[in-house]
Amino acid sequence: MALYLVRHGTTEWSLNGRHTSRTDLPLLPEGEDAAKLLASRLQDREYAAVLTSPRQRALRTAELAGFADAIVTDDLVEWDYGDYEGITTDEIHRTDPGWSLWTSETPGGEAAASVQERLSRVVTAARERDGDTLVFSHGHALCALAAVWLGLPVSDGRFFRLDTATVSLLDTHHGQPVVKHWNT
């Protein structure tokens, strides 16, 4: 009942450090190339379920990695950045110097409790499946998902970092949830 996490390939905004949640950007050509390379890393096993965020960057990554039939779930969308959509953390800090997605409220954005609730559904379902689950999603959502897997609040996702088109593995060891591989 392991949980494989895949962050989508590179987009223009991920390349430039712009917060991207609702804006439905396509992959850049290099993002598509990286997504294709994921196939050889993911195709050698069977999954009880393959899930994806509905955003085209995650859907396309899943498709190019060989999982065009992934089940779409809104529970895997990126943390909603509200008024901070499309801008960088440095730009946000000019007007809100202490802001952190993980520990601050975001004007017009999603509350941590909402993120915790939806990602808890993903974790609960993964643990109930007879087999591994593969998910295609987004940077902050997947870091928060790792925290939830470990039994931590989503705010502890701040201790993780994910590059685009990478694979991470959440598993158990002696009955305890663990991070087996990260950002590879």
N, C-alpha and C. Protein backbone atom coordinates (compact mmCIF):
# COMPACT_ATOMS: atom_id res chain seq x y z
N MET A 1 0.80 -1.20 0.00
CA MET A 1 0.00 0.00 0.00
C MET A 1 0.85 1.27 0.00
N ALA A 2 1.88 1.27 -0.79
CA ALA A 2 2.74 2.45 -0.91
C ALA A 2 2.04 3.51 -1.76
N LEU A 3 2.53 4.73 -1.62
CA LEU A 3 1.98 5.86 -2.36
C LEU A 3 3.11 6.50 -3.15
N TYR A 4 3.03 6.41 -4.48
CA TYR A 4 4.02 7.01 -5.37
C TYR A 4 3.53 8.40 -5.76
N LEU A 5 4.37 9.39 -5.60
CA LEU A 5 4.03 10.77 -5.91
C LEU A 5 4.83 11.25 -7.11
N VAL A 6 4.15 11.85 -8.08
CA VAL A 6 4.83 12.43 -9.23
C VAL A 6 4.40 13.88 -9.38
N ARG A 7 5.37 14.78 -9.35
CA ARG A 7 5.07 16.18 -9.62
C ARG A 7 5.08 16.36 -11.14
N HIS A 8 4.18 17.17 -11.62
CA HIS A 8 4.06 17.43 -13.06
C HIS A 8 5.36 17.99 -13.64
N GLY A 9 5.47 17.95 -14.97
CA GLY A 9 6.62 18.52 -15.66
C GLY A 9 6.62 20.04 -15.60
N THR A 10 7.69 20.62 -16.10
CA THR A 10 7.91 22.06 -16.03
C THR A 10 6.89 22.85 -16.85
N THR A 11 6.39 23.94 -16.24
CA THR A 11 5.56 24.92 -16.93
C THR A 11 6.30 26.25 -16.91
N GLU A 12 5.78 27.22 -17.63
CA GLU A 12 6.41 28.54 -17.63
C GLU A 12 6.47 29.12 -16.22
N TRP A 13 5.40 28.97 -15.47
CA TRP A 13 5.37 29.56 -14.13
C TRP A 13 6.20 28.77 -13.13
N SER A 14 6.25 27.46 -13.26
CA SER A 14 7.10 26.70 -12.33
C SER A 14 8.57 27.04 -12.58
N LEU A 15 8.90 27.28 -13.82
CA LEU A 15 10.26 27.67 -14.18
C LEU A 15 10.62 29.03 -13.59
N ASN A 16 9.63 29.93 -13.53
CA ASN A 16 9.87 31.29 -13.04
C ASN A 16 9.52 31.49 -11.57
N GLY A 17 9.12 30.42 -10.88
CA GLY A 17 8.82 30.51 -9.46
C GLY A 17 7.50 31.19 -9.13
N ARG A 18 6.58 31.22 -10.11
CA ARG A 18 5.27 31.84 -9.87
C ARG A 18 4.31 30.81 -9.29
N HIS A 19 3.57 31.21 -8.27
CA HIS A 19 2.61 30.31 -7.64
C HIS A 19 1.49 29.99 -8.63
N THR A 20 1.28 28.70 -8.86
CA THR A 20 0.31 28.25 -9.85
C THR A 20 -0.63 27.24 -9.22
N SER A 21 -1.87 27.63 -9.05
CA SER A 21 -2.86 26.65 -8.58
C SER A 21 -3.97 26.52 -9.62
N ARG A 22 -4.87 27.49 -9.68
CA ARG A 22 -6.02 27.40 -10.59
C ARG A 22 -5.68 27.67 -12.04
N THR A 23 -4.66 28.47 -12.30
CA THR A 23 -4.28 28.79 -13.68
C THR A 23 -3.83 27.51 -14.36
N ASP A 24 -4.49 27.17 -15.46
CA ASP A 24 -4.27 25.86 -16.09
C ASP A 24 -3.24 25.96 -17.21
N LEU A 25 -1.98 25.99 -16.84
CA LEU A 25 -0.89 26.15 -17.79
C LEU A 25 -0.48 24.82 -18.41
N PRO A 26 -0.05 24.85 -19.68
CA PRO A 26 0.46 23.63 -20.31
C PRO A 26 1.92 23.39 -19.90
N LEU A 27 2.38 22.19 -20.16
CA LEU A 27 3.79 21.89 -19.96
C LEU A 27 4.62 22.59 -21.03
N LEU A 28 5.81 23.01 -20.68
CA LEU A 28 6.78 23.48 -21.67
C LEU A 28 7.33 22.26 -22.40
N PRO A 29 7.96 22.45 -23.58
CA PRO A 29 8.54 21.29 -24.28
C PRO A 29 9.48 20.47 -23.39
N GLU A 30 10.30 21.14 -22.57
CA GLU A 30 11.19 20.39 -21.68
C GLU A 30 10.41 19.65 -20.59
N GLY A 31 9.25 20.19 -20.22
CA GLY A 31 8.38 19.50 -19.27
C GLY A 31 7.79 18.24 -19.88
N GLU A 32 7.43 18.32 -21.15
CA GLU A 32 6.92 17.15 -21.85
C GLU A 32 8.01 16.09 -21.99
N ASP A 33 9.21 16.51 -22.34
CA ASP A 33 10.32 15.55 -22.47
C ASP A 33 10.59 14.84 -21.14
N ALA A 34 10.61 15.59 -20.06
CA ALA A 34 10.85 15.00 -18.74
C ALA A 34 9.73 14.04 -18.36
N ALA A 35 8.49 14.39 -18.70
CA ALA A 35 7.35 13.53 -18.39
C ALA A 35 7.46 12.20 -19.14
N LYS A 36 7.92 12.24 -20.38
CA LYS A 36 8.10 11.00 -21.15
C LYS A 36 9.14 10.09 -20.49
N LEU A 37 10.17 10.69 -19.92
CA LEU A 37 11.22 9.90 -19.26
C LEU A 37 10.71 9.20 -18.00
N LEU A 38 9.63 9.70 -17.42
CA LEU A 38 9.07 9.07 -16.23
C LEU A 38 8.52 7.67 -16.52
N ALA A 39 8.11 7.45 -17.77
CA ALA A 39 7.48 6.17 -18.13
C ALA A 39 8.36 4.98 -17.75
N SER A 40 9.65 5.05 -18.06
CA SER A 40 10.53 3.92 -17.78
C SER A 40 10.69 3.68 -16.28
N ARG A 41 10.47 4.69 -15.48
CA ARG A 41 10.61 4.56 -14.02
C ARG A 41 9.32 4.06 -13.36
N LEU A 42 8.20 4.25 -14.03
CA LEU A 42 6.90 3.95 -13.40
C LEU A 42 6.19 2.73 -13.98
N GLN A 43 6.57 2.32 -15.18
CA GLN A 43 5.83 1.27 -15.87
C GLN A 43 6.17 -0.14 -15.41
N ASP A 44 7.17 -0.32 -14.57
CA ASP A 44 7.62 -1.66 -14.20
C ASP A 44 6.85 -2.28 -13.04
N ARG A 45 5.76 -1.67 -12.65
CA ARG A 45 4.97 -2.21 -11.53
C ARG A 45 3.49 -2.01 -11.81
N GLU A 46 2.69 -2.73 -11.04
CA GLU A 46 1.24 -2.57 -11.13
C GLU A 46 0.76 -1.68 -10.00
N TYR A 47 -0.25 -0.89 -10.28
CA TYR A 47 -0.82 0.01 -9.28
C TYR A 47 -2.29 -0.35 -9.09
N ALA A 48 -2.73 -0.32 -7.85
CA ALA A 48 -4.14 -0.56 -7.56
C ALA A 48 -4.98 0.60 -8.05
N ALA A 49 -4.38 1.79 -8.07
CA ALA A 49 -5.07 2.99 -8.57
C ALA A 49 -4.03 3.98 -9.07
N VAL A 50 -4.40 4.70 -10.12
CA VAL A 50 -3.60 5.81 -10.63
C VAL A 50 -4.51 7.03 -10.65
N LEU A 51 -4.11 8.07 -9.93
CA LEU A 51 -4.93 9.27 -9.76
C LEU A 51 -4.18 10.48 -10.27
N THR A 52 -4.93 11.49 -10.70
CA THR A 52 -4.31 12.73 -11.14
C THR A 52 -5.17 13.93 -10.79
N SER A 53 -4.50 15.04 -10.61
CA SER A 53 -5.17 16.33 -10.52
C SER A 53 -5.84 16.61 -11.87
N PRO A 54 -6.91 17.40 -11.89
CA PRO A 54 -7.56 17.74 -13.15
C PRO A 54 -6.81 18.79 -13.98
N ARG A 55 -5.80 19.42 -13.44
CA ARG A 55 -5.07 20.46 -14.18
C ARG A 55 -4.29 19.83 -15.32
N GLN A 56 -4.27 20.52 -16.47
CA GLN A 56 -3.67 19.94 -17.66
C GLN A 56 -2.20 19.59 -17.48
N ARG A 57 -1.48 20.32 -16.64
CA ARG A 57 -0.07 20.01 -16.45
C ARG A 57 0.12 18.65 -15.79
N ALA A 58 -0.78 18.29 -14.88
CA ALA A 58 -0.72 16.97 -14.24
C ALA A 58 -1.28 15.89 -15.17
N LEU A 59 -2.40 16.18 -15.82
CA LEU A 59 -3.00 15.23 -16.76
C LEU A 59 -2.03 14.86 -17.88
N ARG A 60 -1.37 15.87 -18.43
CA ARG A 60 -0.43 15.64 -19.54
C ARG A 60 0.79 14.86 -19.06
N THR A 61 1.26 15.16 -17.87
CA THR A 61 2.39 14.40 -17.32
C THR A 61 2.00 12.93 -17.17
N ALA A 62 0.81 12.67 -16.65
CA ALA A 62 0.33 11.29 -16.51
C ALA A 62 0.24 10.62 -17.87
N GLU A 63 -0.32 11.32 -18.83
CA GLU A 63 -0.46 10.76 -20.18
C GLU A 63 0.89 10.41 -20.79
N LEU A 64 1.83 11.34 -20.73
CA LEU A 64 3.15 11.12 -21.33
C LEU A 64 3.94 10.04 -20.60
N ALA A 65 3.64 9.84 -19.33
CA ALA A 65 4.31 8.79 -18.55
C ALA A 65 3.65 7.43 -18.76
N GLY A 66 2.59 7.39 -19.57
CA GLY A 66 1.93 6.13 -19.89
C GLY A 66 0.68 5.83 -19.10
N PHE A 67 0.11 6.86 -18.47
CA PHE A 67 -1.07 6.65 -17.63
C PHE A 67 -2.21 7.58 -18.04
N ALA A 68 -2.56 7.52 -19.32
CA ALA A 68 -3.62 8.37 -19.85
C ALA A 68 -4.98 8.05 -19.23
N ASP A 69 -5.11 6.86 -18.65
CA ASP A 69 -6.38 6.45 -18.05
C ASP A 69 -6.46 6.76 -16.56
N ALA A 70 -5.58 7.61 -16.07
CA ALA A 70 -5.59 7.97 -14.64
C ALA A 70 -6.94 8.56 -14.25
N ILE A 71 -7.36 8.28 -13.04
CA ILE A 71 -8.62 8.79 -12.51
C ILE A 71 -8.41 10.22 -12.02
N VAL A 72 -9.24 11.12 -12.49
CA VAL A 72 -9.13 12.54 -12.12
C VAL A 72 -9.83 12.77 -10.78
N THR A 73 -9.13 13.45 -9.87
CA THR A 73 -9.74 13.81 -8.58
C THR A 73 -9.34 15.22 -8.18
N ASP A 74 -10.34 15.99 -7.80
CA ASP A 74 -10.09 17.35 -7.33
C ASP A 74 -9.30 17.38 -6.02
N ASP A 75 -9.25 16.27 -5.31
CA ASP A 75 -8.49 16.24 -4.06
C ASP A 75 -7.00 16.45 -4.29
N LEU A 76 -6.53 16.29 -5.53
CA LEU A 76 -5.11 16.44 -5.83
C LEU A 76 -4.74 17.78 -6.46
N VAL A 77 -5.68 18.73 -6.50
CA VAL A 77 -5.33 20.04 -7.05
C VAL A 77 -4.30 20.72 -6.15
N GLU A 78 -3.61 21.70 -6.72
CA GLU A 78 -2.63 22.45 -5.94
C GLU A 78 -3.32 23.30 -4.89
N TRP A 79 -2.62 23.58 -3.82
CA TRP A 79 -3.07 24.50 -2.77
C TRP A 79 -3.48 25.79 -3.47
N ASP A 80 -4.66 26.29 -3.21
CA ASP A 80 -5.16 27.50 -3.88
C ASP A 80 -4.49 28.74 -3.30
N TYR A 81 -3.76 29.45 -4.15
CA TYR A 81 -2.99 30.62 -3.72
C TYR A 81 -3.81 31.91 -3.69
N GLY A 82 -5.07 31.84 -4.08
CA GLY A 82 -5.93 33.01 -3.99
C GLY A 82 -5.35 34.23 -4.69
N ASP A 83 -5.27 35.35 -3.97
CA ASP A 83 -4.77 36.60 -4.54
C ASP A 83 -3.30 36.53 -4.92
N TYR A 84 -2.60 35.51 -4.47
CA TYR A 84 -1.17 35.39 -4.76
C TYR A 84 -0.89 34.49 -5.97
N GLU A 85 -1.94 34.10 -6.66
CA GLU A 85 -1.81 33.31 -7.88
C GLU A 85 -1.00 34.08 -8.92
N GLY A 86 0.00 33.43 -9.50
CA GLY A 86 0.76 34.01 -10.60
C GLY A 86 1.90 34.92 -10.19
N ILE A 87 2.13 35.07 -8.90
CA ILE A 87 3.25 35.91 -8.47
C ILE A 87 4.23 35.09 -7.64
N THR A 88 5.43 35.61 -7.48
CA THR A 88 6.48 34.89 -6.76
C THR A 88 6.43 35.20 -5.27
N THR A 89 7.08 34.39 -4.50
CA THR A 89 7.18 34.63 -3.05
C THR A 89 7.87 35.96 -2.78
N ASP A 90 8.92 36.28 -3.54
CA ASP A 90 9.61 37.57 -3.36
C ASP A 90 8.66 38.74 -3.58
N GLU A 91 7.80 38.65 -4.59
CA GLU A 91 6.83 39.71 -4.85
C GLU A 91 5.82 39.82 -3.70
N ILE A 92 5.40 38.69 -3.17
CA ILE A 92 4.46 38.68 -2.05
C ILE A 92 5.10 39.34 -0.83
N HIS A 93 6.36 39.03 -0.59
CA HIS A 93 7.05 39.55 0.59
C HIS A 93 7.24 41.07 0.56
N ARG A 94 7.13 41.68 -0.60
CA ARG A 94 7.22 43.15 -0.67
C ARG A 94 6.05 43.81 0.05
N THR A 95 4.89 43.16 0.04
CA THR A 95 3.72 43.73 0.71
C THR A 95 3.33 42.96 1.97
N ASP A 96 3.79 41.74 2.08
CA ASP A 96 3.47 40.89 3.24
C ASP A 96 4.74 40.14 3.64
N PRO A 97 5.68 40.83 4.29
CA PRO A 97 7.02 40.29 4.54
C PRO A 97 7.08 38.96 5.29
N GLY A 98 6.14 38.68 6.15
CA GLY A 98 6.19 37.45 6.93
C GLY A 98 5.40 36.30 6.34
N TRP A 99 4.84 36.50 5.14
CA TRP A 99 3.96 35.49 4.58
C TRP A 99 4.69 34.18 4.27
N SER A 100 4.01 33.09 4.59
CA SER A 100 4.42 31.74 4.19
C SER A 100 3.15 30.97 3.87
N LEU A 101 3.14 30.30 2.76
CA LEU A 101 1.98 29.47 2.40
C LEU A 101 1.65 28.51 3.54
N TRP A 102 2.66 28.00 4.18
CA TRP A 102 2.51 26.94 5.17
C TRP A 102 1.96 27.42 6.50
N THR A 103 2.23 28.67 6.85
CA THR A 103 1.88 29.12 8.20
C THR A 103 1.05 30.40 8.24
N SER A 104 0.76 30.98 7.09
CA SER A 104 0.01 32.24 7.04
C SER A 104 -1.30 32.04 6.29
N GLU A 105 -2.25 32.91 6.55
CA GLU A 105 -3.46 32.91 5.73
C GLU A 105 -3.14 33.61 4.42
N THR A 106 -3.75 33.13 3.35
CA THR A 106 -3.55 33.71 2.03
C THR A 106 -4.84 34.38 1.61
N PRO A 107 -4.81 35.68 1.31
CA PRO A 107 -6.04 36.38 0.91
C PRO A 107 -6.71 35.69 -0.28
N GLY A 108 -7.96 35.30 -0.09
CA GLY A 108 -8.71 34.65 -1.16
C GLY A 108 -8.28 33.22 -1.43
N GLY A 109 -7.36 32.70 -0.64
CA GLY A 109 -6.81 31.37 -0.89
C GLY A 109 -7.43 30.29 -0.01
N GLU A 110 -6.88 29.12 -0.14
CA GLU A 110 -7.40 27.95 0.56
C GLU A 110 -6.78 27.85 1.96
N ALA A 111 -7.61 27.55 2.92
CA ALA A 111 -7.15 27.37 4.30
C ALA A 111 -6.44 26.03 4.45
N ALA A 112 -5.47 25.99 5.34
CA ALA A 112 -4.72 24.75 5.59
C ALA A 112 -5.66 23.61 6.00
N ALA A 113 -6.71 23.91 6.75
CA ALA A 113 -7.65 22.87 7.18
C ALA A 113 -8.33 22.21 5.99
N SER A 114 -8.63 22.98 4.96
CA SER A 114 -9.25 22.43 3.75
C SER A 114 -8.28 21.51 3.01
N VAL A 115 -7.02 21.95 2.91
CA VAL A 115 -5.99 21.13 2.26
C VAL A 115 -5.81 19.83 3.05
N GLN A 116 -5.73 19.94 4.36
CA GLN A 116 -5.56 18.77 5.23
C GLN A 116 -6.71 17.78 5.01
N GLU A 117 -7.92 18.29 4.93
CA GLU A 117 -9.10 17.42 4.77
C GLU A 117 -9.06 16.65 3.45
N ARG A 118 -8.80 17.34 2.36
CA ARG A 118 -8.84 16.65 1.06
C ARG A 118 -7.66 15.70 0.87
N LEU A 119 -6.48 16.08 1.38
CA LEU A 119 -5.34 15.18 1.25
C LEU A 119 -5.45 14.00 2.21
N SER A 120 -6.13 14.18 3.32
CA SER A 120 -6.40 13.05 4.22
C SER A 120 -7.27 12.01 3.53
N ARG A 121 -8.19 12.45 2.68
CA ARG A 121 -9.01 11.50 1.91
C ARG A 121 -8.14 10.67 0.98
N VAL A 122 -7.16 11.32 0.34
CA VAL A 122 -6.25 10.60 -0.56
C VAL A 122 -5.46 9.55 0.22
N VAL A 123 -4.92 9.93 1.36
CA VAL A 123 -4.12 9.02 2.19
C VAL A 123 -4.98 7.86 2.70
N THR A 124 -6.16 8.15 3.20
CA THR A 124 -7.04 7.10 3.71
C THR A 124 -7.37 6.09 2.62
N ALA A 125 -7.72 6.58 1.44
CA ALA A 125 -8.05 5.68 0.33
C ALA A 125 -6.84 4.85 -0.08
N ALA A 126 -5.66 5.46 -0.11
CA ALA A 126 -4.45 4.72 -0.49
C ALA A 126 -4.16 3.60 0.51
N ARG A 127 -4.35 3.88 1.77
CA ARG A 127 -4.08 2.88 2.81
C ARG A 127 -5.11 1.74 2.80
N GLU A 128 -6.29 2.01 2.28
CA GLU A 128 -7.34 0.99 2.23
C GLU A 128 -7.24 0.11 0.99
N ARG A 129 -6.45 0.53 0.00
CA ARG A 129 -6.34 -0.24 -1.24
C ARG A 129 -5.45 -1.46 -1.04
N ASP A 130 -5.74 -2.47 -1.82
CA ASP A 130 -4.90 -3.66 -1.84
C ASP A 130 -3.89 -3.47 -2.96
N GLY A 131 -2.84 -2.74 -2.68
CA GLY A 131 -1.81 -2.44 -3.68
C GLY A 131 -1.40 -0.99 -3.61
N ASP A 132 -0.45 -0.65 -4.45
CA ASP A 132 0.13 0.69 -4.46
C ASP A 132 -0.73 1.68 -5.22
N THR A 133 -0.59 2.95 -4.87
CA THR A 133 -1.30 4.04 -5.53
C THR A 133 -0.28 4.98 -6.13
N LEU A 134 -0.53 5.41 -7.36
CA LEU A 134 0.32 6.37 -8.07
C LEU A 134 -0.48 7.65 -8.25
N VAL A 135 0.09 8.80 -7.86
CA VAL A 135 -0.61 10.07 -8.02
C VAL A 135 0.24 11.07 -8.79
N PHE A 136 -0.41 11.85 -9.63
CA PHE A 136 0.20 12.94 -10.38
C PHE A 136 -0.42 14.24 -9.87
N SER A 137 0.43 15.13 -9.37
CA SER A 137 -0.11 16.34 -8.76
C SER A 137 0.92 17.46 -8.82
N HIS A 138 0.94 18.30 -7.80
CA HIS A 138 1.65 19.58 -7.80
C HIS A 138 2.58 19.70 -6.60
N GLY A 139 3.52 20.62 -6.68
CA GLY A 139 4.58 20.75 -5.69
C GLY A 139 4.13 20.89 -4.25
N HIS A 140 3.38 21.94 -3.95
CA HIS A 140 2.97 22.16 -2.56
C HIS A 140 1.96 21.10 -2.11
N ALA A 141 1.07 20.71 -3.00
CA ALA A 141 0.08 19.68 -2.64
C ALA A 141 0.78 18.37 -2.28
N LEU A 142 1.80 18.00 -3.04
CA LEU A 142 2.49 16.74 -2.76
C LEU A 142 3.34 16.82 -1.50
N CYS A 143 3.95 17.95 -1.25
CA CYS A 143 4.70 18.12 0.02
C CYS A 143 3.74 18.02 1.21
N ALA A 144 2.58 18.64 1.07
CA ALA A 144 1.56 18.56 2.12
C ALA A 144 1.05 17.12 2.26
N LEU A 145 0.90 16.43 1.14
CA LEU A 145 0.45 15.04 1.16
C LEU A 145 1.45 14.16 1.92
N ALA A 146 2.73 14.41 1.72
CA ALA A 146 3.76 13.66 2.46
C ALA A 146 3.61 13.89 3.96
N ALA A 147 3.36 15.12 4.34
CA ALA A 147 3.16 15.42 5.77
C ALA A 147 1.96 14.66 6.31
N VAL A 148 0.86 14.66 5.58
CA VAL A 148 -0.35 13.95 6.02
C VAL A 148 -0.06 12.45 6.14
N TRP A 149 0.66 11.89 5.17
CA TRP A 149 1.03 10.47 5.21
C TRP A 149 1.75 10.14 6.52
N LEU A 150 2.62 11.06 6.95
CA LEU A 150 3.42 10.85 8.16
C LEU A 150 2.65 11.17 9.45
N GLY A 151 1.40 11.61 9.31
CA GLY A 151 0.60 11.94 10.48
C GLY A 151 0.86 13.33 11.02
N LEU A 152 1.40 14.19 10.18
CA LEU A 152 1.75 15.56 10.56
C LEU A 152 0.75 16.54 9.97
N PRO A 153 0.68 17.75 10.47
CA PRO A 153 -0.16 18.76 9.84
C PRO A 153 0.41 19.17 8.48
N VAL A 154 -0.45 19.64 7.60
CA VAL A 154 0.02 20.03 6.26
C VAL A 154 1.09 21.12 6.33
N SER A 155 1.08 21.92 7.38
CA SER A 155 2.10 22.97 7.51
C SER A 155 3.51 22.39 7.56
N ASP A 156 3.65 21.13 7.95
CA ASP A 156 4.97 20.50 7.97
C ASP A 156 5.45 20.10 6.58
N GLY A 157 4.60 20.28 5.58
CA GLY A 157 5.04 20.11 4.21
C GLY A 157 6.15 21.08 3.83
N ARG A 158 6.29 22.14 4.61
CA ARG A 158 7.33 23.14 4.34
C ARG A 158 8.73 22.56 4.47
N PHE A 159 8.87 21.40 5.09
CA PHE A 159 10.18 20.78 5.26
C PHE A 159 10.57 19.91 4.07
N PHE A 160 9.70 19.85 3.07
CA PHE A 160 9.97 19.08 1.86
C PHE A 160 10.09 20.02 0.67
N ARG A 161 10.81 19.57 -0.35
CA ARG A 161 10.93 20.33 -1.59
C ARG A 161 10.85 19.34 -2.74
N LEU A 162 10.14 19.73 -3.78
CA LEU A 162 9.98 18.86 -4.95
C LEU A 162 10.32 19.60 -6.23
N ASP A 163 11.15 18.99 -7.05
CA ASP A 163 11.40 19.50 -8.38
C ASP A 163 10.32 18.96 -9.32
N THR A 164 10.22 19.55 -10.50
CA THR A 164 9.25 19.07 -11.48
C THR A 164 9.69 17.72 -12.05
N ALA A 165 8.70 16.95 -12.46
CA ALA A 165 8.91 15.64 -13.09
C ALA A 165 9.78 14.72 -12.25
N THR A 166 9.49 14.67 -10.95
CA THR A 166 10.22 13.78 -10.05
C THR A 166 9.27 12.77 -9.43
N VAL A 167 9.86 11.70 -8.92
CA VAL A 167 9.09 10.64 -8.27
C VAL A 167 9.52 10.56 -6.81
N SER A 168 8.56 10.42 -5.94
CA SER A 168 8.81 10.20 -4.51
C SER A 168 7.98 9.00 -4.07
N LEU A 169 8.43 8.35 -3.02
CA LEU A 169 7.75 7.15 -2.55
C LEU A 169 7.49 7.23 -1.05
N LEU A 170 6.22 7.15 -0.70
CA LEU A 170 5.80 7.07 0.70
C LEU A 170 5.40 5.62 0.96
N ASP A 171 5.88 5.08 2.06
CA ASP A 171 5.65 3.66 2.33
C ASP A 171 5.50 3.47 3.84
N THR A 172 5.60 2.24 4.28
CA THR A 172 5.62 1.96 5.72
C THR A 172 6.83 1.08 6.01
N HIS A 173 7.30 1.17 7.24
CA HIS A 173 8.41 0.34 7.71
C HIS A 173 8.08 -0.05 9.14
N HIS A 174 7.96 -1.36 9.37
CA HIS A 174 7.57 -1.86 10.69
C HIS A 174 6.27 -1.20 11.17
N GLY A 175 5.35 -1.02 10.21
CA GLY A 175 4.04 -0.48 10.54
C GLY A 175 3.96 1.02 10.69
N GLN A 176 5.07 1.71 10.47
CA GLN A 176 5.09 3.17 10.60
C GLN A 176 5.21 3.83 9.23
N PRO A 177 4.49 4.91 8.99
CA PRO A 177 4.62 5.61 7.71
C PRO A 177 6.00 6.25 7.59
N VAL A 178 6.60 6.11 6.41
CA VAL A 178 7.94 6.66 6.16
C VAL A 178 8.01 7.27 4.77
N VAL A 179 9.00 8.13 4.58
CA VAL A 179 9.38 8.60 3.26
C VAL A 179 10.52 7.70 2.81
N LYS A 180 10.28 6.88 1.80
CA LYS A 180 11.30 5.92 1.36
C LYS A 180 12.24 6.54 0.33
N HIS A 181 11.69 7.31 -0.59
CA HIS A 181 12.49 8.03 -1.59
C HIS A 181 11.86 9.40 -1.76
N TRP A 182 12.69 10.41 -2.01
CA TRP A 182 12.13 11.75 -2.17
C TRP A 182 12.83 12.49 -3.29
N ASN A 183 12.02 13.09 -4.17
CA ASN A 183 12.52 14.03 -5.19
C ASN A 183 13.57 13.40 -6.10
N THR A 184 13.30 12.16 -6.54
CA THR A 184 14.26 11.48 -7.41
C THR A 184 13.79 11.46 -8.84
